[in-house]
Protein backbone atom coordinates (compact mmCIF):
# COMPACT_ATOMS: atom_id res chain seq x y z
CA MET A 1 42.79 45.64 65.28
CA SER A 2 44.70 42.37 66.42
CA THR A 3 45.50 39.44 63.94
CA GLU A 4 43.00 37.43 65.90
CA SER A 5 40.22 40.07 65.23
CA LEU A 6 40.95 40.26 61.57
CA ASN A 7 40.81 36.43 61.17
CA ALA A 8 37.52 36.40 62.91
CA ALA A 9 36.09 39.24 60.67
CA ASN A 10 37.55 37.57 57.48
CA PRO A 11 37.56 33.71 58.00
CA PRO A 12 39.99 31.90 55.53
CA THR A 13 38.83 30.55 52.39
CA THR A 14 39.11 26.97 53.71
CA GLU A 15 36.56 27.74 56.41
CA LEU A 16 34.17 29.49 54.03
CA VAL A 17 34.22 26.63 51.50
CA ARG A 18 33.90 23.99 54.26
CA SER A 19 30.99 25.90 55.90
CA ARG A 20 29.14 26.27 52.52
CA VAL A 21 29.65 22.73 51.53
CA GLN A 22 28.38 21.34 54.85
CA LYS A 23 25.29 23.59 54.84
CA GLY A 24 24.55 22.58 51.09
CA GLY A 25 23.84 18.98 51.85
CA GLU A 26 23.99 16.31 49.12
CA ARG A 27 24.84 17.97 45.75
CA VAL A 28 27.54 18.53 43.16
CA TRP A 29 30.03 21.39 43.64
CA LYS A 30 32.20 23.11 41.07
CA LEU A 31 34.90 25.79 41.38
CA GLU A 32 32.39 28.27 39.75
CA ASP A 33 30.09 27.89 42.86
CA PHE A 34 32.72 29.88 44.76
CA ASP A 35 33.34 32.74 42.25
CA SER A 36 33.50 35.26 45.05
CA LEU A 37 36.62 33.57 46.52
CA PRO A 38 40.19 33.16 45.14
CA PRO A 39 40.10 30.22 42.70
CA GLY A 40 43.66 28.80 43.75
CA ALA A 41 42.53 28.78 47.46
CA VAL A 42 39.04 27.20 46.66
CA ALA A 43 40.82 24.41 44.64
CA GLN A 44 43.08 23.61 47.65
CA ALA A 45 40.17 23.83 49.98
CA LEU A 46 38.02 21.36 47.86
CA SER A 47 41.10 19.01 47.69
CA ARG A 48 41.53 19.18 51.38
CA LEU A 49 37.83 18.34 51.99
CA CYS A 50 38.25 15.15 49.73
CA ARG A 51 41.21 14.03 51.70
CA LYS A 52 39.08 14.32 54.76
CA GLY A 53 36.26 12.25 53.10
CA VAL A 54 33.83 15.08 53.24
CA LEU A 55 33.71 15.49 49.45
CA GLU A 56 34.37 12.99 46.55
CA ARG A 57 36.08 14.19 43.30
CA VAL A 58 34.06 13.27 40.34
CA SER A 59 35.92 14.85 37.52
CA LYS A 60 38.28 17.77 37.14
CA GLY A 61 36.97 20.62 38.93
CA ILE A 62 33.65 18.68 40.00
CA TYR A 63 33.10 17.47 43.51
CA TYR A 64 30.21 15.58 45.11
CA ARG A 65 29.05 15.79 48.68
CA PRO A 66 27.35 12.44 49.65
CA ARG A 67 25.05 11.66 52.23
CA LYS A 68 24.98 8.71 54.65
CA THR A 69 22.48 6.06 54.07
CA ALA A 70 21.76 2.58 55.53
CA PHE A 71 23.84 1.13 52.69
CA GLY A 72 26.85 3.43 52.92
CA ALA A 73 27.49 6.77 51.17
CA SER A 74 25.13 7.89 48.65
CA ARG A 75 26.19 8.11 44.87
CA PRO A 76 25.47 11.18 42.71
CA ASN A 77 22.26 10.61 40.48
CA PRO A 78 22.40 11.01 36.79
CA ALA A 79 20.33 14.12 36.79
CA MET A 80 22.93 15.77 39.05
CA LEU A 81 25.73 14.75 36.77
CA ARG A 82 23.83 15.72 33.47
CA LYS A 83 23.21 19.13 34.95
CA ALA A 84 26.82 19.62 35.91
CA ALA A 85 28.01 18.29 32.43
CA SER A 86 25.67 20.58 30.53
CA GLN A 87 27.23 23.43 32.01
CA LYS A 88 30.68 22.52 30.48
CA ALA A 89 29.07 21.33 27.10
CA ARG A 90 25.56 21.91 26.15
CA LEU A 91 23.49 18.63 26.00
CA PHE A 92 20.50 18.30 23.74
CA PRO A 93 17.65 15.56 23.91
CA ALA A 94 18.18 12.80 21.28
CA GLY A 95 16.53 9.47 20.31
CA THR A 96 13.48 8.39 22.11
CA THR A 97 14.34 11.07 24.69
CA ALA A 98 13.77 13.82 21.98
CA ALA A 99 10.69 12.10 20.71
CA ASN A 100 9.24 12.02 24.25
CA ARG A 101 9.97 15.72 24.79
CA LEU A 102 8.29 16.88 21.51
CA GLY A 103 5.13 14.77 22.25
CA PHE A 104 5.62 11.88 19.69
CA THR A 105 5.89 9.10 22.26
CA THR A 106 5.06 8.49 25.82
CA GLN A 107 8.08 6.12 26.26
CA ASN A 108 10.60 7.02 28.90
CA PRO A 109 13.71 5.23 27.78
CA ALA A 110 15.78 3.28 30.41
CA ARG A 111 18.86 5.04 29.29
CA VAL A 112 18.52 8.78 28.76
CA GLU A 113 19.80 9.80 25.15
CA MET A 114 21.54 13.06 24.71
CA ALA A 115 23.48 14.74 21.86
CA THR A 116 26.32 17.31 22.18
CA THR A 117 28.57 19.47 19.95
CA ALA A 118 31.57 18.18 22.09
CA ARG A 119 34.09 15.92 20.55
CA SER A 120 33.81 13.34 23.11
CA VAL A 121 31.50 12.24 25.95
CA PRO A 122 31.69 14.54 29.00
CA LYS A 123 33.74 12.67 31.50
CA LEU A 124 30.87 13.20 34.09
CA LEU A 125 28.59 10.92 31.92
CA GLN A 126 31.17 8.24 30.91
CA ASP A 127 30.12 5.83 33.64
CA GLU A 128 26.53 6.82 33.80
CA ASN A 129 23.39 5.16 32.28
CA ALA A 130 23.17 7.40 29.36
CA ILE A 131 23.74 7.49 25.47
CA VAL A 132 25.59 10.42 24.27
CA HIS A 133 25.97 11.23 20.60
CA THR A 134 28.97 13.60 20.07
CA ARG A 135 30.13 15.99 17.41
CA ARG A 136 27.00 17.56 16.52
CA PRO A 137 27.41 20.63 14.46
CA ALA A 138 28.71 23.77 16.25
CA ALA A 139 25.71 25.69 14.79
CA TRP A 140 23.56 23.84 17.23
CA GLU A 141 24.86 26.09 19.91
CA THR A 142 22.50 28.78 18.57
CA LEU A 143 19.40 26.34 18.98
CA SER A 144 16.91 25.81 21.85
CA GLU A 145 16.55 22.28 23.13
CA ASP A 146 13.29 21.89 21.23
CA GLU A 147 14.76 23.00 17.99
CA ALA A 148 17.77 20.50 18.34
CA ALA A 149 15.33 17.89 19.30
CA LEU A 150 13.45 18.38 15.99
CA LEU A 151 16.63 17.88 14.16
CA GLU A 152 17.23 14.77 15.96
CA PHE A 153 13.70 13.55 15.20
CA LEU A 154 14.45 14.33 11.41
CA ARG A 155 17.77 12.49 11.62
CA MET A 156 15.78 9.31 12.80
CA ARG A 157 13.22 9.94 9.99
CA GLY A 158 10.52 10.10 12.54
CA GLU A 159 10.98 6.36 13.57
CA PRO A 160 10.42 6.73 17.47
CA SER A 161 7.00 8.29 16.93
CA GLU A 162 3.93 6.21 18.27
CA LEU A 163 1.60 8.40 16.39
CA PRO A 164 0.07 7.42 13.13
CA THR A 165 2.14 8.79 10.22
CA LYS A 166 -0.45 11.65 9.33
CA GLU A 167 -0.68 12.71 13.04
CA THR A 168 3.29 12.60 13.11
CA ILE A 169 3.48 14.95 10.24
CA LYS A 170 0.74 17.23 11.53
CA ARG A 171 2.65 17.62 14.68
CA LEU A 172 5.94 18.29 13.04
CA VAL A 173 4.25 20.90 11.06
CA THR A 174 2.77 22.63 13.96
CA LEU A 175 5.97 22.47 16.14
CA LEU A 176 7.94 24.01 13.24
CA ALA A 177 5.37 26.79 12.80
CA GLU A 178 5.69 27.85 16.45
CA ASN A 179 8.40 30.26 17.92
CA ASN A 180 10.05 30.89 14.58
CA ARG A 181 11.42 27.35 14.67
CA PHE A 182 11.48 26.64 10.96
CA SER A 183 13.38 29.92 10.22
CA ASN A 184 15.89 29.00 12.90
CA LEU A 185 16.48 25.57 11.62
CA VAL A 186 17.00 26.70 8.03
CA LYS A 187 19.77 28.92 9.42
CA VAL A 188 21.68 25.93 10.62
CA ALA A 189 20.52 23.51 7.91
CA PRO A 190 23.80 23.78 5.78
CA SER A 191 25.51 21.88 8.67
CA GLU A 192 22.97 19.08 8.55
CA PRO A 193 23.06 15.94 6.53
CA PRO A 194 21.30 16.27 3.03
CA ARG A 195 18.40 14.06 3.81
CA VAL A 196 17.61 16.37 6.86
CA ARG A 197 17.59 19.48 4.66
CA ALA A 198 15.30 17.65 2.17
CA MET A 199 12.79 16.54 4.91
CA LEU A 200 12.95 20.12 6.33
CA GLY A 201 12.24 21.60 2.89
CA ALA A 202 9.23 19.11 2.38
CA LEU A 203 7.93 20.09 5.71
CA GLY A 204 8.48 23.97 5.13
CA GLU A 205 6.55 23.47 2.00
CA GLU A 206 3.67 21.82 3.89
CA LEU A 207 3.57 24.82 6.25
CA GLY A 208 3.87 27.49 3.58
CA ALA A 209 7.34 28.80 4.36
CA ASP A 210 9.02 31.72 2.51
CA LYS A 211 9.95 30.70 -0.91
CA ARG A 212 13.55 32.10 -0.38
CA GLN A 213 14.02 29.75 2.40
CA LEU A 214 12.68 26.86 0.41
CA ASP A 215 15.01 27.69 -2.49
CA SER A 216 17.97 27.90 -0.28
CA LEU A 217 17.19 24.37 0.90
CA ARG A 218 16.61 23.03 -2.51
CA ASP A 219 19.72 24.63 -3.91
CA SER A 220 21.75 22.84 -1.29
CA LEU A 221 20.73 19.31 -2.54
CA ASN A 222 22.30 17.21 -5.40
CA PRO A 223 19.46 16.95 -7.85
CA LEU A 224 20.37 13.36 -8.62
CA THR A 225 20.32 11.96 -5.03
CA ARG A 226 17.27 10.40 -3.58
CA PHE A 227 16.77 10.33 0.02
CA ASP A 228 15.22 7.96 2.55
CA PHE A 229 12.46 9.82 4.30
CA GLY A 230 11.18 6.93 6.26
CA MET A 231 7.58 7.54 7.40
CA LEU A 232 7.90 11.15 6.16
CA VAL A 233 7.65 9.90 2.64
CA GLU A 234 3.93 10.35 3.16
CA LEU A 235 4.47 14.27 2.99
CA GLU A 236 2.53 15.56 0.01
CA SER A 237 5.54 17.12 -1.34
CA ALA A 238 8.07 14.36 -0.51
CA SER A 239 8.72 13.45 -4.07
CA ARG A 240 9.40 17.00 -5.05
CA TRP A 241 12.17 16.84 -2.32
CA GLN A 242 13.86 13.86 -3.75
CA ALA A 243 12.41 11.26 -1.37
CA LYS A 244 12.75 7.66 -2.27
CA GLU A 245 9.61 5.74 -3.03
CA ARG A 246 8.82 3.20 -0.36
CA SER A 247 9.19 -0.32 -1.47
CA VAL A 248 6.19 -2.71 -1.68
CA ARG A 249 7.44 -4.57 1.27
CA GLU A 250 7.56 -1.34 3.39
CA THR A 251 4.16 -0.45 2.65
CA ILE A 252 2.48 -3.87 3.40
């Protein structure tokens, strides 16, 4: 077989990458999207496509294929970048975004709020309309997004909830009772702030959790410390879990 025939049967990596990119339309591309091809050759091919204006380099190893619009080339939307960033460092819902996901509010924040175990904000999101809380405990990597959202909600003492206090507590207990969530959160509780462990214990008592789990949470607390539970001070067992009493001003 001639060299020309071999090249026809096995097109070079550059051609394979270019063809796939052009057929893919507007989207974000990563080296991992071409895992069947030699990484070095793929990197060179993507760089060459950037020089030709076919792709834009967004971050190290991340490229964007724009589309032409009446106002010029399109820009990657935040959802695309969040998806790409989450494949490098897990992202969890936080703030009002977490409260919305869990059904405590119908608000959709103008700026999406997220949390990550990474030490810094993923580069893909640094210029985007997003709030990212970094350095969440490494133990969160074992959690589902809903479980992490519950911890975020407790860190905020339930403040983003639009529901009445009793309804907020009822929904929290319901969510914790589903899919073994309470047990999963107890496992990562040692890495949480003491007030979160205390609130989790009070909620666990409300749902009738295993005594050993409750004891492990209680034993992790300094018995002389009092914690601000926010609206969750209305939990029946709040005082037994060292909740501060609400001031007269707060209850008016």
